[in-house]
Amino acid sequence: MAKRVLIADDEPNIVLSLEFLLVQAGYEVATAATGEATLDTARRIHPDLILLDVMLPRKNGFEVCQTVRADPQLSATKIVMLTAKGRSTEIAKGLALGADAYVTKPFGTRELVDTVRTLIGP
């Protein structure tokens, strides 16, 4: 059974490219464009990993990360924060809230797929 990845980003071009990359790498992919939709989808499909944009409408990525970590049914889900906000304070905040990795935009596609593989396997 393929590992599930939830892409949470409100930029359609990023979602399309990430979805293509991850499907090609063998993952089952779902998407969400808001923080609330990310939580709803995560509770429904129980992804192995969430690629989580920080700047999401209706709950930002930090709030989503914190909520996922507090939910016993989702707490084992790996979280990779994806953001253009790469200042050290934001990275520290994301990691302190429970993110497993932090990737800044623009990112290398190979780097991102390698990060996903490292966290949840092929």
N, C-alpha and C. Protein backbone atom coordinates (compact mmCIF):
# COMPACT_ATOMS: atom_id res chain seq x y z
N MET A 1 0.85 -1.19 0.00
CA MET A 1 0.00 0.00 0.00
C MET A 1 0.89 1.25 0.00
N ALA A 2 0.57 2.18 -0.86
CA ALA A 2 1.36 3.40 -0.99
C ALA A 2 1.21 4.27 0.26
N LYS A 3 2.28 4.95 0.61
CA LYS A 3 2.23 5.90 1.72
C LYS A 3 1.43 7.12 1.27
N ARG A 4 0.70 7.72 2.21
CA ARG A 4 -0.14 8.88 1.90
C ARG A 4 0.54 10.18 2.31
N VAL A 5 0.51 11.14 1.38
CA VAL A 5 1.04 12.47 1.64
C VAL A 5 -0.08 13.48 1.40
N LEU A 6 -0.26 14.37 2.35
CA LEU A 6 -1.23 15.46 2.23
C LEU A 6 -0.46 16.75 1.94
N ILE A 7 -0.76 17.37 0.81
CA ILE A 7 -0.13 18.64 0.44
C ILE A 7 -1.07 19.76 0.86
N ALA A 8 -0.61 20.62 1.76
CA ALA A 8 -1.42 21.74 2.24
C ALA A 8 -0.77 23.04 1.78
N ASP A 9 -1.31 23.60 0.71
CA ASP A 9 -0.77 24.85 0.15
C ASP A 9 -1.89 25.52 -0.62
N ASP A 10 -1.92 26.85 -0.57
CA ASP A 10 -2.99 27.58 -1.26
C ASP A 10 -2.55 28.12 -2.62
N GLU A 11 -1.35 27.77 -3.07
CA GLU A 11 -0.89 28.19 -4.39
C GLU A 11 -1.04 27.02 -5.36
N PRO A 12 -2.02 27.10 -6.29
CA PRO A 12 -2.31 25.97 -7.18
C PRO A 12 -1.11 25.46 -7.97
N ASN A 13 -0.22 26.33 -8.42
CA ASN A 13 0.94 25.87 -9.19
C ASN A 13 1.88 25.02 -8.36
N ILE A 14 2.06 25.38 -7.10
CA ILE A 14 2.91 24.60 -6.21
C ILE A 14 2.26 23.25 -5.94
N VAL A 15 0.95 23.26 -5.69
CA VAL A 15 0.23 22.02 -5.42
C VAL A 15 0.35 21.06 -6.61
N LEU A 16 0.13 21.58 -7.82
CA LEU A 16 0.21 20.74 -9.02
C LEU A 16 1.59 20.12 -9.18
N SER A 17 2.64 20.92 -9.01
CA SER A 17 3.98 20.39 -9.20
C SER A 17 4.35 19.39 -8.11
N LEU A 18 3.98 19.68 -6.86
CA LEU A 18 4.27 18.74 -5.77
C LEU A 18 3.49 17.45 -5.95
N GLU A 19 2.23 17.57 -6.34
CA GLU A 19 1.41 16.38 -6.54
C GLU A 19 2.02 15.50 -7.63
N PHE A 20 2.42 16.10 -8.74
CA PHE A 20 3.05 15.35 -9.83
C PHE A 20 4.31 14.63 -9.33
N LEU A 21 5.18 15.36 -8.66
CA LEU A 21 6.43 14.79 -8.15
C LEU A 21 6.20 13.60 -7.23
N LEU A 22 5.28 13.77 -6.31
CA LEU A 22 5.06 12.73 -5.31
C LEU A 22 4.35 11.51 -5.87
N VAL A 23 3.43 11.72 -6.80
CA VAL A 23 2.79 10.58 -7.46
C VAL A 23 3.84 9.81 -8.26
N GLN A 24 4.71 10.53 -8.96
CA GLN A 24 5.78 9.89 -9.71
C GLN A 24 6.71 9.09 -8.79
N ALA A 25 6.88 9.56 -7.56
CA ALA A 25 7.75 8.89 -6.59
C ALA A 25 7.03 7.72 -5.91
N GLY A 26 5.74 7.51 -6.24
CA GLY A 26 5.02 6.36 -5.71
C GLY A 26 4.12 6.61 -4.52
N TYR A 27 3.86 7.86 -4.20
CA TYR A 27 3.01 8.17 -3.05
C TYR A 27 1.57 8.42 -3.48
N GLU A 28 0.66 8.14 -2.57
CA GLU A 28 -0.74 8.50 -2.75
C GLU A 28 -0.87 9.93 -2.22
N VAL A 29 -1.51 10.82 -2.99
CA VAL A 29 -1.50 12.24 -2.64
C VAL A 29 -2.92 12.80 -2.51
N ALA A 30 -3.12 13.59 -1.46
CA ALA A 30 -4.34 14.38 -1.28
C ALA A 30 -3.90 15.83 -1.12
N THR A 31 -4.82 16.76 -1.36
CA THR A 31 -4.46 18.18 -1.25
C THR A 31 -5.50 18.93 -0.44
N ALA A 32 -5.07 20.06 0.10
CA ALA A 32 -5.95 20.98 0.83
C ALA A 32 -5.40 22.39 0.66
N ALA A 33 -6.32 23.37 0.57
CA ALA A 33 -5.89 24.75 0.31
C ALA A 33 -6.06 25.69 1.49
N THR A 34 -6.64 25.22 2.59
CA THR A 34 -6.77 26.04 3.80
C THR A 34 -6.34 25.22 5.01
N GLY A 35 -6.10 25.91 6.10
CA GLY A 35 -5.74 25.21 7.32
C GLY A 35 -6.86 24.31 7.82
N GLU A 36 -8.09 24.80 7.75
CA GLU A 36 -9.23 24.00 8.19
C GLU A 36 -9.40 22.76 7.32
N ALA A 37 -9.28 22.94 6.00
CA ALA A 37 -9.40 21.79 5.09
C ALA A 37 -8.27 20.78 5.33
N THR A 38 -7.11 21.27 5.68
CA THR A 38 -5.98 20.38 5.97
C THR A 38 -6.32 19.49 7.17
N LEU A 39 -6.84 20.09 8.22
CA LEU A 39 -7.20 19.30 9.41
C LEU A 39 -8.32 18.32 9.11
N ASP A 40 -9.34 18.76 8.38
CA ASP A 40 -10.46 17.87 8.03
C ASP A 40 -9.95 16.68 7.21
N THR A 41 -9.12 16.97 6.20
CA THR A 41 -8.61 15.91 5.34
C THR A 41 -7.69 14.97 6.12
N ALA A 42 -6.84 15.53 6.96
CA ALA A 42 -5.93 14.70 7.76
C ALA A 42 -6.71 13.76 8.67
N ARG A 43 -7.78 14.25 9.28
CA ARG A 43 -8.58 13.40 10.16
C ARG A 43 -9.31 12.30 9.37
N ARG A 44 -9.60 12.59 8.12
CA ARG A 44 -10.32 11.62 7.29
C ARG A 44 -9.39 10.55 6.71
N ILE A 45 -8.21 10.95 6.21
CA ILE A 45 -7.35 9.99 5.50
C ILE A 45 -6.14 9.50 6.30
N HIS A 46 -5.84 10.13 7.42
CA HIS A 46 -4.69 9.77 8.25
C HIS A 46 -3.41 9.63 7.41
N PRO A 47 -2.92 10.76 6.89
CA PRO A 47 -1.72 10.70 6.04
C PRO A 47 -0.48 10.29 6.84
N ASP A 48 0.49 9.75 6.12
CA ASP A 48 1.77 9.43 6.75
C ASP A 48 2.59 10.70 6.94
N LEU A 49 2.36 11.69 6.04
CA LEU A 49 3.13 12.92 6.07
C LEU A 49 2.29 14.07 5.53
N ILE A 50 2.46 15.25 6.11
CA ILE A 50 1.82 16.46 5.61
C ILE A 50 2.91 17.43 5.17
N LEU A 51 2.83 17.88 3.91
CA LEU A 51 3.66 18.99 3.44
C LEU A 51 2.84 20.24 3.72
N LEU A 52 3.27 21.04 4.66
CA LEU A 52 2.44 22.08 5.24
C LEU A 52 3.01 23.47 5.02
N ASP A 53 2.30 24.26 4.20
CA ASP A 53 2.67 25.66 3.99
C ASP A 53 2.35 26.44 5.26
N VAL A 54 3.21 27.36 5.63
CA VAL A 54 2.95 28.18 6.82
C VAL A 54 1.83 29.19 6.57
N MET A 55 1.82 29.79 5.39
CA MET A 55 0.88 30.86 5.09
C MET A 55 -0.41 30.32 4.45
N LEU A 56 -1.22 29.66 5.25
CA LEU A 56 -2.51 29.13 4.79
C LEU A 56 -3.64 30.01 5.32
N PRO A 57 -4.71 30.18 4.53
CA PRO A 57 -5.87 30.88 5.05
C PRO A 57 -6.64 30.00 6.05
N ARG A 58 -7.39 30.65 6.93
CA ARG A 58 -8.27 29.98 7.90
C ARG A 58 -7.55 28.98 8.78
N LYS A 59 -6.50 29.28 9.33
CA LYS A 59 -5.58 28.59 10.24
C LYS A 59 -4.25 28.48 9.52
N ASN A 60 -3.25 29.10 10.10
CA ASN A 60 -1.93 29.03 9.46
C ASN A 60 -1.26 27.69 9.75
N GLY A 61 -0.16 27.45 9.07
CA GLY A 61 0.54 26.18 9.21
C GLY A 61 1.02 25.90 10.62
N PHE A 62 1.41 26.93 11.35
CA PHE A 62 1.83 26.72 12.74
C PHE A 62 0.66 26.21 13.58
N GLU A 63 -0.53 26.79 13.38
CA GLU A 63 -1.72 26.34 14.12
C GLU A 63 -2.09 24.91 13.73
N VAL A 64 -2.00 24.61 12.44
CA VAL A 64 -2.30 23.26 11.97
C VAL A 64 -1.32 22.26 12.59
N CYS A 65 -0.06 22.59 12.57
CA CYS A 65 0.97 21.72 13.13
C CYS A 65 0.69 21.42 14.61
N GLN A 66 0.39 22.46 15.34
CA GLN A 66 0.10 22.32 16.77
C GLN A 66 -1.13 21.44 16.99
N THR A 67 -2.17 21.63 16.18
CA THR A 67 -3.40 20.85 16.31
C THR A 67 -3.15 19.38 15.98
N VAL A 68 -2.39 19.12 14.92
CA VAL A 68 -2.07 17.74 14.54
C VAL A 68 -1.30 17.06 15.66
N ARG A 69 -0.32 17.74 16.22
CA ARG A 69 0.48 17.15 17.29
C ARG A 69 -0.35 16.86 18.55
N ALA A 70 -1.40 17.63 18.78
CA ALA A 70 -2.24 17.44 19.96
C ALA A 70 -3.30 16.35 19.77
N ASP A 71 -3.52 15.92 18.53
CA ASP A 71 -4.55 14.92 18.22
C ASP A 71 -3.92 13.52 18.31
N PRO A 72 -4.37 12.69 19.25
CA PRO A 72 -3.77 11.36 19.42
C PRO A 72 -3.82 10.50 18.16
N GLN A 73 -4.84 10.69 17.32
CA GLN A 73 -4.95 9.88 16.11
C GLN A 73 -4.01 10.36 15.00
N LEU A 74 -3.50 11.59 15.12
CA LEU A 74 -2.63 12.14 14.08
C LEU A 74 -1.22 12.42 14.57
N SER A 75 -0.98 12.26 15.84
CA SER A 75 0.29 12.71 16.42
C SER A 75 1.52 12.05 15.81
N ALA A 76 1.38 10.86 15.21
CA ALA A 76 2.53 10.19 14.58
C ALA A 76 2.76 10.66 13.14
N THR A 77 1.85 11.46 12.61
CA THR A 77 1.99 11.96 11.24
C THR A 77 3.23 12.85 11.16
N LYS A 78 4.06 12.61 10.17
CA LYS A 78 5.24 13.44 9.96
C LYS A 78 4.79 14.76 9.31
N ILE A 79 5.45 15.84 9.69
CA ILE A 79 5.11 17.17 9.15
C ILE A 79 6.37 17.84 8.61
N VAL A 80 6.28 18.26 7.34
CA VAL A 80 7.34 19.05 6.74
C VAL A 80 6.76 20.42 6.45
N MET A 81 7.27 21.43 7.14
CA MET A 81 6.83 22.80 6.89
C MET A 81 7.47 23.29 5.61
N LEU A 82 6.65 23.86 4.72
CA LEU A 82 7.12 24.43 3.45
C LEU A 82 6.77 25.91 3.47
N THR A 83 7.77 26.76 3.34
CA THR A 83 7.46 28.18 3.41
C THR A 83 8.53 29.05 2.79
N ALA A 84 8.11 30.22 2.38
CA ALA A 84 9.04 31.24 1.91
C ALA A 84 9.67 31.95 3.11
N LYS A 85 9.09 31.76 4.28
CA LYS A 85 9.60 32.40 5.49
C LYS A 85 10.70 31.53 6.08
N GLY A 86 11.93 31.87 5.75
CA GLY A 86 13.04 31.04 6.16
C GLY A 86 13.91 31.63 7.26
N ARG A 87 13.39 32.63 7.97
CA ARG A 87 14.19 33.20 9.06
C ARG A 87 14.34 32.17 10.17
N SER A 88 15.44 32.27 10.87
CA SER A 88 15.73 31.28 11.90
C SER A 88 14.66 31.22 12.99
N THR A 89 14.02 32.36 13.30
CA THR A 89 12.97 32.34 14.32
C THR A 89 11.76 31.53 13.86
N GLU A 90 11.41 31.63 12.57
CA GLU A 90 10.28 30.86 12.06
C GLU A 90 10.60 29.37 12.00
N ILE A 91 11.83 29.06 11.60
CA ILE A 91 12.24 27.65 11.57
C ILE A 91 12.19 27.08 12.99
N ALA A 92 12.73 27.82 13.94
CA ALA A 92 12.72 27.36 15.34
C ALA A 92 11.29 27.18 15.84
N LYS A 93 10.39 28.09 15.49
CA LYS A 93 9.00 27.99 15.92
C LYS A 93 8.35 26.73 15.34
N GLY A 94 8.55 26.49 14.03
CA GLY A 94 7.97 25.31 13.40
C GLY A 94 8.47 24.02 14.03
N LEU A 95 9.76 23.95 14.27
CA LEU A 95 10.32 22.75 14.88
C LEU A 95 9.87 22.60 16.33
N ALA A 96 9.75 23.71 17.05
CA ALA A 96 9.29 23.66 18.44
C ALA A 96 7.84 23.19 18.53
N LEU A 97 7.04 23.51 17.53
CA LEU A 97 5.63 23.08 17.52
C LEU A 97 5.47 21.63 17.07
N GLY A 98 6.56 21.02 16.63
CA GLY A 98 6.50 19.61 16.32
C GLY A 98 6.75 19.22 14.87
N ALA A 99 7.13 20.17 14.03
CA ALA A 99 7.46 19.82 12.64
C ALA A 99 8.70 18.92 12.64
N ASP A 100 8.72 17.97 11.72
CA ASP A 100 9.84 17.05 11.61
C ASP A 100 10.94 17.61 10.71
N ALA A 101 10.57 18.52 9.82
CA ALA A 101 11.54 19.14 8.92
C ALA A 101 10.96 20.48 8.46
N TYR A 102 11.85 21.34 7.95
CA TYR A 102 11.46 22.68 7.53
C TYR A 102 12.18 22.95 6.22
N VAL A 103 11.43 23.13 5.14
CA VAL A 103 12.01 23.37 3.82
C VAL A 103 11.56 24.74 3.33
N THR A 104 12.51 25.57 2.92
CA THR A 104 12.15 26.92 2.47
C THR A 104 11.97 26.95 0.96
N LYS A 105 11.01 27.79 0.54
CA LYS A 105 10.76 28.02 -0.88
C LYS A 105 11.70 29.12 -1.36
N PRO A 106 12.22 29.07 -2.55
CA PRO A 106 12.09 27.95 -3.49
C PRO A 106 12.94 26.77 -3.02
N PHE A 107 12.48 25.58 -3.30
CA PHE A 107 13.18 24.38 -2.87
C PHE A 107 13.51 23.53 -4.10
N GLY A 108 14.51 22.69 -3.93
CA GLY A 108 14.85 21.75 -4.99
C GLY A 108 13.91 20.56 -4.92
N THR A 109 13.39 20.13 -6.05
CA THR A 109 12.44 19.02 -6.05
C THR A 109 13.07 17.73 -5.54
N ARG A 110 14.29 17.48 -5.93
CA ARG A 110 14.97 16.27 -5.45
C ARG A 110 15.16 16.33 -3.93
N GLU A 111 15.53 17.49 -3.44
CA GLU A 111 15.71 17.68 -1.99
C GLU A 111 14.40 17.37 -1.25
N LEU A 112 13.29 17.86 -1.79
CA LEU A 112 12.02 17.65 -1.12
C LEU A 112 11.61 16.18 -1.14
N VAL A 113 11.72 15.53 -2.27
CA VAL A 113 11.38 14.10 -2.35
C VAL A 113 12.30 13.29 -1.44
N ASP A 114 13.58 13.65 -1.37
CA ASP A 114 14.50 12.97 -0.46
C ASP A 114 14.08 13.15 1.00
N THR A 115 13.61 14.34 1.34
CA THR A 115 13.15 14.60 2.70
C THR A 115 11.95 13.72 3.02
N VAL A 116 11.00 13.63 2.09
CA VAL A 116 9.82 12.79 2.29
C VAL A 116 10.24 11.33 2.46
N ARG A 117 11.11 10.86 1.59
CA ARG A 117 11.57 9.46 1.68
C ARG A 117 12.28 9.18 3.00
N THR A 118 13.09 10.13 3.45
CA THR A 118 13.80 9.96 4.70
C THR A 118 12.81 9.82 5.87
N LEU A 119 11.74 10.59 5.83
CA LEU A 119 10.78 10.59 6.94
C LEU A 119 9.81 9.42 6.93
N ILE A 120 9.34 9.00 5.73
CA ILE A 120 8.32 7.94 5.71
C ILE A 120 8.67 6.75 4.84
N GLY A 121 9.82 6.79 4.18
CA GLY A 121 10.21 5.67 3.33
C GLY A 121 9.64 5.81 1.93
N PRO A 122 9.98 4.85 1.07
CA PRO A 122 9.54 4.91 -0.33
C PRO A 122 8.05 4.62 -0.49
